[in-house]
């Protein structure tokens, strides 16, 4: 596996992040790459969760890498991007679970976070001490993703002991190993409130059931199963952010909420974009080895010596270079305190994932039948990279928002508008 090059821009984190612990974490992620990559094919083939990978990440200080100090390393987005790139290029399902944990940890430190301080501390301490993982559970069978609107069917009812949670969630990435579940639900009040209910998983917990239904084309080892809640008891303080539905609308957001949302969207787009870009780079690396090692009898020399082949590989390199430039710039902007707008972050995700998919498709065309063989990893990389299209925000939402914003800007720029 060829390790991704570190450009000067990718090393230019703000001074706060450039300490020895941050640099050590990035080096550790690259060092772990070969060990993670060694099991990637079997994990994909069998569709089993990579349990053994997370103790390695914890020992390297990478589970709490993005968690704010004093509990975690407080790594900035550029540093986290370097870690995710190294892990995803080796084993992307592991990287996806790590991305989700990083996003939740960073959300706790965003401006306007409403989580109670003691609850925040418990989540962050458990990550640093135990390597505890966390993810948000939002998608439902009827609702789909809440990003498209609507009230969740998952309901929390308050009694004398706390909140009791009942409902059904899909695509709970990492659920075989998650300690913390941030569940999107509504209350059963006359005027329902919606928001996040935090569940800490415990051995033998009553009312929680995992349905191992994940049998996907790509990222097969991510353990993105279904979770069913049946009257699960939560402490009162674990209703960490409840609002009437209208208050979740962007036009009702406070300045702190808007800033926090922009930061969170940038983190999500950069880290997910990095993951799928890394998958494409793994595909590119396999292709280079294949072309350099294949010498057809009628040619008498490797395919890699043909100008036509070199040109087509150059087209792949151009796609990946554009991705690196966009991702590095966005990460540096966030670390400098100037995050792009949520709409621009969506376009970043669209552009990066589209180029990553195109890069692997070009590799498949260039490699022919061997690229589609289950004995080679390129077909796995293709299945994995296609998952970039279905991660929120999805392409239609991104492009519709961008088009709407373009018309608004055009109208505002007209004389006399």
Protein backbone atom coordinates (compact mmCIF):
# COMPACT_ATOMS: atom_id res chain seq x y z
CA UNK A 1 0.00 0.00 0.00
CA UNK A 2 1.41 3.39 -0.99
CA UNK A 3 0.99 5.91 1.80
CA UNK A 4 -0.58 9.24 0.80
CA UNK A 5 1.87 12.07 0.40
CA UNK A 6 1.73 14.84 3.00
CA UNK A 7 1.70 18.19 1.26
CA UNK A 8 2.89 21.35 2.95
CA UNK A 9 -0.72 22.50 3.12
CA UNK A 10 -1.82 19.32 4.88
CA UNK A 11 0.80 19.94 7.56
CA UNK A 12 -0.17 23.55 8.10
CA UNK A 13 -2.49 23.10 11.05
CA UNK A 14 -2.85 26.09 13.35
CA UNK A 15 -0.19 26.30 16.08
CA UNK A 16 -2.62 25.04 18.72
CA UNK A 17 -2.87 21.68 16.97
CA UNK A 18 0.76 21.27 15.97
CA UNK A 19 2.01 19.64 19.13
CA UNK A 20 3.82 16.38 19.64
CA UNK A 21 0.68 14.39 20.48
CA UNK A 22 -1.05 15.45 17.26
CA UNK A 23 1.96 14.64 15.10
CA UNK A 24 2.43 11.30 16.88
CA UNK A 25 -1.18 10.41 16.13
CA UNK A 26 -0.78 11.10 12.45
CA UNK A 27 2.38 9.01 12.31
CA UNK A 28 0.64 6.20 14.21
CA UNK A 29 -2.25 6.15 11.73
CA UNK A 30 0.15 5.67 8.83
CA UNK A 31 2.05 2.98 10.73
CA UNK A 32 -1.17 1.06 11.39
CA UNK A 33 -2.12 1.09 7.71
CA UNK A 34 -0.52 -2.22 6.68
CA UNK A 35 -2.04 -4.06 9.68
CA UNK A 36 -5.50 -2.72 8.93
CA UNK A 37 -5.18 -3.43 5.21
CA UNK A 38 -4.15 -7.05 5.79
CA UNK A 39 -7.62 -8.02 6.97
CA UNK A 40 -9.70 -5.78 4.70
CA UNK A 41 -10.49 -8.38 2.05
CA UNK A 42 -11.68 -11.01 4.55
CA UNK A 43 -13.79 -8.46 6.44
CA UNK A 44 -15.49 -7.45 3.21
CA UNK A 45 -15.97 -10.99 1.96
CA UNK A 46 -17.52 -12.19 5.22
CA UNK A 47 -19.29 -8.94 6.09
CA UNK A 48 -18.01 -9.03 9.68
CA UNK A 49 -17.29 -6.05 11.90
CA UNK A 50 -13.58 -5.17 12.42
CA UNK A 51 -13.59 -5.49 16.22
CA UNK A 52 -9.83 -6.03 16.39
CA UNK A 53 -9.03 -2.73 14.70
CA UNK A 54 -10.43 -0.42 17.36
CA UNK A 55 -8.14 -1.45 20.23
CA UNK A 56 -5.25 -0.67 17.87
CA UNK A 57 -6.66 2.78 17.19
CA UNK A 58 -7.24 3.37 20.90
CA UNK A 59 -3.70 2.32 21.82
CA UNK A 60 -2.43 4.79 19.23
CA UNK A 61 -4.49 7.59 20.80
CA UNK A 62 -6.73 7.91 17.75
CA UNK A 63 -10.23 7.29 19.18
CA UNK A 64 -10.18 10.51 21.24
CA UNK A 65 -7.98 12.30 18.70
CA UNK A 66 -10.63 14.89 17.78
CA UNK A 67 -12.07 15.19 21.29
CA UNK A 68 -11.40 18.60 22.82
CA UNK A 69 -8.81 18.98 25.58
CA UNK A 70 -8.38 18.13 28.38
CA UNK A 71 -10.01 14.78 27.58
CA UNK A 72 -8.70 14.27 24.05
CA UNK A 73 -5.98 15.48 21.73
CA UNK A 74 -8.07 18.36 20.36
CA UNK A 75 -6.84 17.70 16.83
CA UNK A 76 -8.00 20.09 14.14
CA UNK A 77 -9.69 19.09 10.92
CA UNK A 78 -6.51 18.96 8.83
CA UNK A 79 -4.91 16.55 11.31
CA UNK A 80 -8.04 14.39 11.50
CA UNK A 81 -8.21 14.35 7.72
CA UNK A 82 -4.68 12.90 7.60
CA UNK A 83 -5.66 10.16 10.07
CA UNK A 84 -8.86 9.25 8.23
CA UNK A 85 -7.02 9.15 4.91
CA UNK A 86 -4.47 6.67 6.26
CA UNK A 87 -7.09 4.46 7.92
CA UNK A 88 -9.56 4.56 5.02
CA UNK A 89 -6.93 3.74 2.43
CA UNK A 90 -6.26 0.59 4.47
CA UNK A 91 -9.76 -0.42 5.68
CA UNK A 92 -12.59 2.05 4.98
CA UNK A 93 -15.29 0.50 7.18
CA UNK A 94 -13.07 1.08 10.21
CA UNK A 95 -12.50 4.63 9.02
CA UNK A 96 -16.24 5.25 8.67
CA UNK A 97 -16.88 4.32 12.30
CA UNK A 98 -13.98 6.55 13.34
CA UNK A 99 -15.37 9.45 11.27
CA UNK A 100 -18.72 9.18 13.04
CA UNK A 101 -17.03 9.29 16.44
CA UNK A 102 -14.93 12.30 15.42
CA UNK A 103 -18.04 14.15 14.24
CA UNK A 104 -19.87 13.57 17.51
CA UNK A 105 -16.86 14.60 19.59
CA UNK A 106 -16.42 17.80 17.61
CA UNK A 107 -20.11 18.63 17.81
CA UNK A 108 -19.80 18.68 21.59
CA UNK A 109 -17.28 21.51 21.33
CA UNK A 110 -19.09 23.50 18.63
CA UNK A 111 -20.49 26.94 19.47
CA UNK A 112 -24.01 26.61 20.82
CA UNK A 113 -23.75 22.99 21.99
CA UNK A 114 -26.61 22.41 24.43
CA UNK A 115 -25.45 19.13 25.87
CA UNK A 116 -25.11 19.27 29.68
CA UNK A 117 -21.47 19.66 30.66
CA UNK A 118 -21.38 16.56 32.84
CA UNK A 119 -22.83 14.44 30.02
CA UNK A 120 -20.26 15.82 27.59
CA UNK A 121 -17.49 14.98 30.04
CA UNK A 122 -18.69 11.39 30.47
CA UNK A 123 -18.67 10.81 26.71
CA UNK A 124 -15.25 12.36 26.22
CA UNK A 125 -13.63 10.73 29.25
CA UNK A 126 -14.88 7.31 28.12
CA UNK A 127 -13.33 7.87 24.69
CA UNK A 128 -9.94 8.82 26.13
CA UNK A 129 -9.92 6.15 28.85
CA UNK A 130 -11.67 3.22 27.17
CA UNK A 131 -11.75 4.00 23.46
CA UNK A 132 -15.55 4.30 23.66
CA UNK A 133 -17.22 4.95 20.30
CA UNK A 134 -20.27 7.09 19.62
CA UNK A 135 -22.60 7.63 16.67
CA UNK A 136 -25.89 9.34 15.88
CA UNK A 137 -28.89 7.13 15.07
CA UNK A 138 -31.27 9.14 12.90
CA UNK A 139 -32.65 7.16 9.93
CA UNK A 140 -35.95 5.28 10.29
CA UNK A 141 -37.95 2.87 8.08
CA UNK A 142 -40.84 5.32 7.53
CA UNK A 143 -39.14 8.69 7.94
CA UNK A 144 -35.94 7.99 6.07
CA UNK A 145 -33.33 10.57 6.93
CA UNK A 146 -34.52 13.51 9.07
CA UNK A 147 -32.42 15.79 6.87
CA UNK A 148 -35.41 15.73 4.51
CA UNK A 149 -37.89 16.78 7.21
CA UNK A 150 -40.67 15.12 9.17
CA UNK A 151 -41.17 13.94 12.74
CA UNK A 152 -39.40 10.75 13.84
CA UNK A 153 -41.52 7.78 14.86
CA UNK A 154 -39.09 7.01 17.70
CA UNK A 155 -40.74 8.33 20.87
CA UNK A 156 -39.47 9.22 24.34
CA UNK A 157 -41.96 9.17 27.21
CA UNK A 158 -41.15 10.77 30.53
CA UNK A 159 -42.02 9.07 33.83
CA UNK A 160 -40.79 9.29 37.41
CA UNK A 161 -37.56 7.42 36.65
CA UNK A 162 -36.48 9.23 33.49
CA UNK A 163 -37.17 8.98 29.78
CA UNK A 164 -38.34 5.73 28.14
CA UNK A 165 -37.32 5.36 24.52
CA UNK A 166 -39.15 3.23 21.94
CA UNK A 167 -38.56 3.07 18.21
CA UNK A 168 -36.67 1.61 15.27
CA UNK A 169 -33.49 2.98 13.65
CA UNK A 170 -31.68 1.93 10.48
CA UNK A 171 -28.04 2.15 9.40
CA UNK A 172 -26.55 2.37 12.89
CA UNK A 173 -22.96 2.35 11.66
CA UNK A 174 -20.60 0.73 14.13
CA UNK A 175 -23.37 -0.63 16.37
CA UNK A 176 -21.45 -3.84 17.23
CA UNK A 177 -18.93 -1.67 19.12
CA UNK A 178 -20.75 1.57 19.99
CA UNK A 179 -20.85 2.63 23.65
CA UNK A 180 -22.96 5.74 23.08
CA UNK A 181 -26.03 6.13 20.87
CA UNK A 182 -27.23 9.67 20.12
CA UNK A 183 -30.82 8.90 19.10
CA UNK A 184 -33.03 11.35 17.19
CA UNK A 185 -36.53 11.11 18.64
CA UNK A 186 -39.64 13.07 19.62
CA UNK A 187 -41.41 13.39 22.93
CA UNK A 188 -44.97 12.22 23.52
CA UNK A 189 -46.00 15.65 24.82
CA UNK A 190 -49.09 17.46 23.54
CA UNK A 191 -46.72 19.71 21.61
CA UNK A 192 -43.93 17.29 20.71
CA UNK A 193 -40.32 18.32 20.95
CA UNK A 194 -37.64 16.68 18.85
CA UNK A 195 -33.99 16.20 19.51
CA UNK A 196 -31.23 13.97 20.78
CA UNK A 197 -31.56 11.36 23.52
CA UNK A 198 -28.25 9.86 24.58
CA UNK A 199 -28.15 6.17 25.44
CA UNK A 200 -25.16 4.49 27.07
CA UNK A 201 -25.09 0.81 26.19
CA UNK A 202 -24.51 -1.67 28.97
CA UNK A 203 -24.20 -5.45 29.08
CA UNK A 204 -27.58 -7.13 29.42
CA UNK A 205 -29.44 -3.89 28.82
CA UNK A 206 -33.21 -4.36 28.79
CA UNK A 207 -35.21 -3.18 25.81
CA UNK A 208 -32.43 -2.75 23.23
CA UNK A 209 -32.12 -5.17 20.33
CA UNK A 210 -29.76 -5.15 17.34
CA UNK A 211 -31.09 -6.68 14.12
CA UNK A 212 -28.06 -7.77 12.09
CA UNK A 213 -29.54 -6.90 8.71
CA UNK A 214 -26.62 -5.06 7.08
CA UNK A 215 -25.87 -6.89 3.80
CA UNK A 216 -24.72 -4.09 1.55
CA UNK A 217 -22.85 -3.80 -1.71
CA UNK A 218 -20.10 -1.68 -0.16
CA UNK A 219 -18.55 -0.96 3.24
CA UNK A 220 -19.76 -4.40 4.21
CA UNK A 221 -17.76 -4.51 7.44
CA UNK A 222 -19.25 -1.29 8.87
CA UNK A 223 -21.86 -3.08 11.00
CA UNK A 224 -24.58 -0.62 9.95
CA UNK A 225 -27.39 -2.74 11.36
CA UNK A 226 -30.87 -1.89 12.64
CA UNK A 227 -31.57 -1.06 16.28
CA UNK A 228 -34.92 -1.50 18.03
CA UNK A 229 -35.70 0.27 21.30
CA UNK A 230 -38.50 -1.03 23.51
CA UNK A 231 -39.11 1.15 26.56
CA UNK A 232 -35.39 1.71 27.18
CA UNK A 233 -34.83 3.81 30.32
CA UNK A 234 -32.60 6.91 30.09
CA UNK A 235 -31.68 9.41 32.82
CA UNK A 236 -33.48 12.75 32.71
CA UNK A 237 -30.28 14.60 31.81
CA UNK A 238 -29.74 12.39 28.76
CA UNK A 239 -32.36 14.35 26.85
CA UNK A 240 -29.41 16.42 25.73
CA UNK A 241 -30.95 18.77 23.16
CA UNK A 242 -34.74 19.09 22.84
CA UNK A 243 -36.53 21.81 20.87
CA UNK A 244 -39.92 22.35 19.28
CA UNK A 245 -39.61 21.28 15.63
CA UNK A 246 -39.77 24.85 14.31
CA UNK A 247 -36.68 25.77 16.31
CA UNK A 248 -34.61 23.29 14.29
CA UNK A 249 -35.37 25.25 11.10
CA UNK A 250 -32.36 27.19 9.75
CA UNK A 251 -34.26 30.48 9.75
CA UNK A 252 -34.89 30.15 13.50
CA UNK A 253 -31.29 29.33 14.36
CA UNK A 254 -29.25 31.56 16.64
CA UNK A 255 -25.92 32.92 15.41
CA UNK A 256 -24.15 30.32 17.56
CA UNK A 257 -26.30 27.55 16.05
CA UNK A 258 -25.55 28.76 12.52
CA UNK A 259 -21.84 28.88 13.23
CA UNK A 260 -21.89 25.46 14.84
CA UNK A 261 -23.86 24.02 11.91
CA UNK A 262 -21.40 25.42 9.37
CA UNK A 263 -18.46 23.95 11.30
CA UNK A 264 -20.16 20.57 11.67
CA UNK A 265 -21.11 20.38 7.99
CA UNK A 266 -17.55 21.21 7.00
CA UNK A 267 -16.15 18.50 9.27
CA UNK A 268 -18.61 15.97 7.86
CA UNK A 269 -17.97 16.86 4.22
CA UNK A 270 -14.19 16.91 4.61
CA UNK A 271 -13.95 13.64 6.55
CA UNK A 272 -16.44 11.72 4.41
CA UNK A 273 -14.87 13.16 1.29
CA UNK A 274 -11.45 12.12 2.58
CA UNK A 275 -12.70 8.58 3.21
CA UNK A 276 -13.98 8.08 -0.33
CA UNK A 277 -10.98 9.84 -1.85
CA UNK A 278 -8.77 7.43 0.11
CA UNK A 279 -10.69 4.45 -1.30
CA UNK A 280 -10.05 5.81 -4.79
CA UNK A 281 -6.35 6.21 -3.97
CA UNK A 282 -6.21 2.58 -2.85
CA UNK A 283 -7.73 1.63 -6.20
CA UNK A 284 -5.19 3.79 -8.02
CA UNK A 285 -2.34 2.11 -6.12
CA UNK A 286 -3.52 -1.36 -7.12
CA UNK A 287 -3.84 -0.23 -10.73
CA UNK A 288 -0.27 1.09 -10.82
CA UNK A 289 1.09 -2.22 -9.55
CA UNK A 290 -1.03 -4.17 -12.01
CA UNK A 291 0.05 -2.10 -15.02
CA UNK A 292 3.71 -2.13 -14.02
CA UNK A 293 3.68 -5.89 -13.56
CA UNK A 294 1.70 -6.94 -16.63
CA UNK A 295 3.72 -7.55 -19.80
CA UNK A 296 1.59 -9.04 -22.61
CA UNK A 297 3.50 -11.48 -24.80
CA UNK A 298 2.78 -9.49 -27.96
CA UNK A 299 4.11 -6.30 -26.34
CA UNK A 300 7.21 -7.58 -24.60
CA UNK A 301 7.22 -4.84 -22.00
CA UNK A 302 4.96 -3.65 -19.17
CA UNK A 303 1.71 -1.88 -19.96
CA UNK A 304 2.95 0.98 -17.80
CA UNK A 305 5.43 1.93 -20.54
CA UNK A 306 2.72 2.74 -23.09
CA UNK A 307 2.07 6.48 -23.55
CA UNK A 308 -1.67 5.84 -23.93
CA UNK A 309 -1.76 4.04 -20.58
CA UNK A 310 0.34 6.73 -18.94
CA UNK A 311 -2.08 9.38 -20.20
CA UNK A 312 -5.09 7.54 -18.77
CA UNK A 313 -3.34 7.13 -15.42
CA UNK A 314 -2.59 10.84 -15.58
CA UNK A 315 -6.31 11.53 -15.88
CA UNK A 316 -6.85 9.59 -12.65
CA UNK A 317 -4.06 11.56 -11.00
CA UNK A 318 -5.73 14.81 -12.08
CA UNK A 319 -8.99 13.79 -10.41
CA UNK A 320 -7.24 12.89 -7.17
CA UNK A 321 -5.09 16.02 -7.20
CA UNK A 322 -8.23 18.16 -7.47
CA UNK A 323 -9.73 16.28 -4.54
CA UNK A 324 -6.64 16.83 -2.40
CA UNK A 325 -6.59 20.55 -3.17
CA UNK A 326 -10.27 21.02 -2.29
CA UNK A 327 -10.12 18.94 0.88
CA UNK A 328 -6.90 20.54 2.13
CA UNK A 329 -8.23 24.05 1.55
CA UNK A 330 -11.53 23.36 3.31
CA UNK A 331 -9.77 21.79 6.30
CA UNK A 332 -7.38 24.71 6.62
CA UNK A 333 -10.27 27.19 6.47
CA UNK A 334 -12.05 25.41 9.30
CA UNK A 335 -8.90 25.26 11.41
CA UNK A 336 -8.35 28.97 10.78
CA UNK A 337 -11.84 29.77 12.09
CA UNK A 338 -13.30 30.56 8.66
CA UNK A 339 -15.46 27.54 7.77
CA UNK A 340 -17.22 27.45 4.41
CA UNK A 341 -20.98 27.76 4.36
CA UNK A 342 -23.04 24.60 4.78
CA UNK A 343 -24.03 24.86 1.10
CA UNK A 344 -20.40 25.08 0.00
CA UNK A 345 -19.52 22.10 2.20
CA UNK A 346 -22.25 20.14 0.45
CA UNK A 347 -20.76 21.00 -2.94
CA UNK A 348 -17.35 19.91 -1.65
CA UNK A 349 -18.75 16.52 -0.72
CA UNK A 350 -20.47 16.19 -4.11
CA UNK A 351 -17.37 17.15 -6.08
CA UNK A 352 -14.96 14.97 -4.12
CA UNK A 353 -17.12 11.84 -4.09
CA UNK A 354 -17.96 12.26 -7.79
CA UNK A 355 -14.28 12.46 -8.69
CA UNK A 356 -13.43 9.52 -6.44
CA UNK A 357 -16.04 7.37 -8.17
CA UNK A 358 -14.84 8.49 -11.60
CA UNK A 359 -11.24 7.68 -10.68
CA UNK A 360 -12.11 4.09 -9.76
CA UNK A 361 -14.32 3.69 -12.82
CA UNK A 362 -11.40 4.77 -15.01
CA UNK A 363 -9.17 2.27 -13.22
CA UNK A 364 -11.70 -0.48 -13.96
CA UNK A 365 -11.82 0.40 -17.65
CA UNK A 366 -8.04 0.43 -17.86
CA UNK A 367 -7.56 -2.88 -16.04
CA UNK A 368 -10.21 -4.86 -17.92
CA UNK A 369 -11.28 -8.27 -16.61
CA UNK A 370 -8.65 -8.48 -13.84
CA UNK A 371 -10.08 -5.33 -12.25
CA UNK A 372 -13.47 -7.01 -11.87
CA UNK A 373 -12.06 -10.25 -10.49
CA UNK A 374 -12.95 -11.04 -6.88
CA UNK A 375 -9.33 -12.11 -6.52
CA UNK A 376 -8.19 -8.49 -6.85
CA UNK A 377 -9.18 -5.59 -4.58
CA UNK A 378 -10.24 -3.10 -7.26
CA UNK A 379 -13.81 -4.38 -7.48
CA UNK A 380 -14.05 -4.01 -3.66
CA UNK A 381 -12.79 -0.45 -3.88
CA UNK A 382 -15.43 0.25 -6.52
CA UNK A 383 -18.23 -1.13 -4.37
CA UNK A 384 -16.98 0.89 -1.41
CA UNK A 385 -16.56 4.18 -3.27
CA UNK A 386 -20.13 4.03 -4.61
CA UNK A 387 -21.40 4.41 -1.04
CA UNK A 388 -20.29 8.05 -1.19
CA UNK A 389 -23.45 8.88 -3.12
CA UNK A 390 -25.83 7.84 -0.36
CA UNK A 391 -24.27 9.60 2.60
CA UNK A 392 -26.13 12.67 3.84
CA UNK A 393 -26.25 15.20 2.31
CA UNK A 394 -27.19 13.34 -0.85
CA UNK A 395 -26.52 14.66 -4.33
CA UNK A 396 -30.03 15.85 -5.16
CA UNK A 397 -30.27 17.83 -1.92
CA UNK A 398 -26.83 19.38 -2.43
CA UNK A 399 -27.49 20.41 -6.02
CA UNK A 400 -31.00 21.74 -5.39
CA UNK A 401 -29.69 23.92 -2.56
CA UNK A 402 -26.83 25.17 -4.74
CA UNK A 403 -29.18 25.99 -7.59
CA UNK A 404 -31.57 27.82 -5.31
CA UNK A 405 -28.70 29.82 -3.81
CA UNK A 406 -27.47 30.72 -7.29
CA UNK A 407 -30.86 32.16 -8.25
CA UNK A 408 -31.07 34.10 -4.99
CA UNK A 409 -27.60 35.56 -5.54
CA UNK A 410 -28.43 36.43 -9.15
CA UNK A 411 -31.61 38.21 -8.13
CA UNK A 412 -29.82 40.14 -5.38
CA UNK A 413 -27.14 41.30 -7.84
CA UNK A 414 -29.62 42.77 -10.32
CA UNK A 415 -29.73 46.58 -10.45
CA UNK A 416 -32.52 47.92 -8.28
CA UNK A 417 -33.08 44.59 -6.55
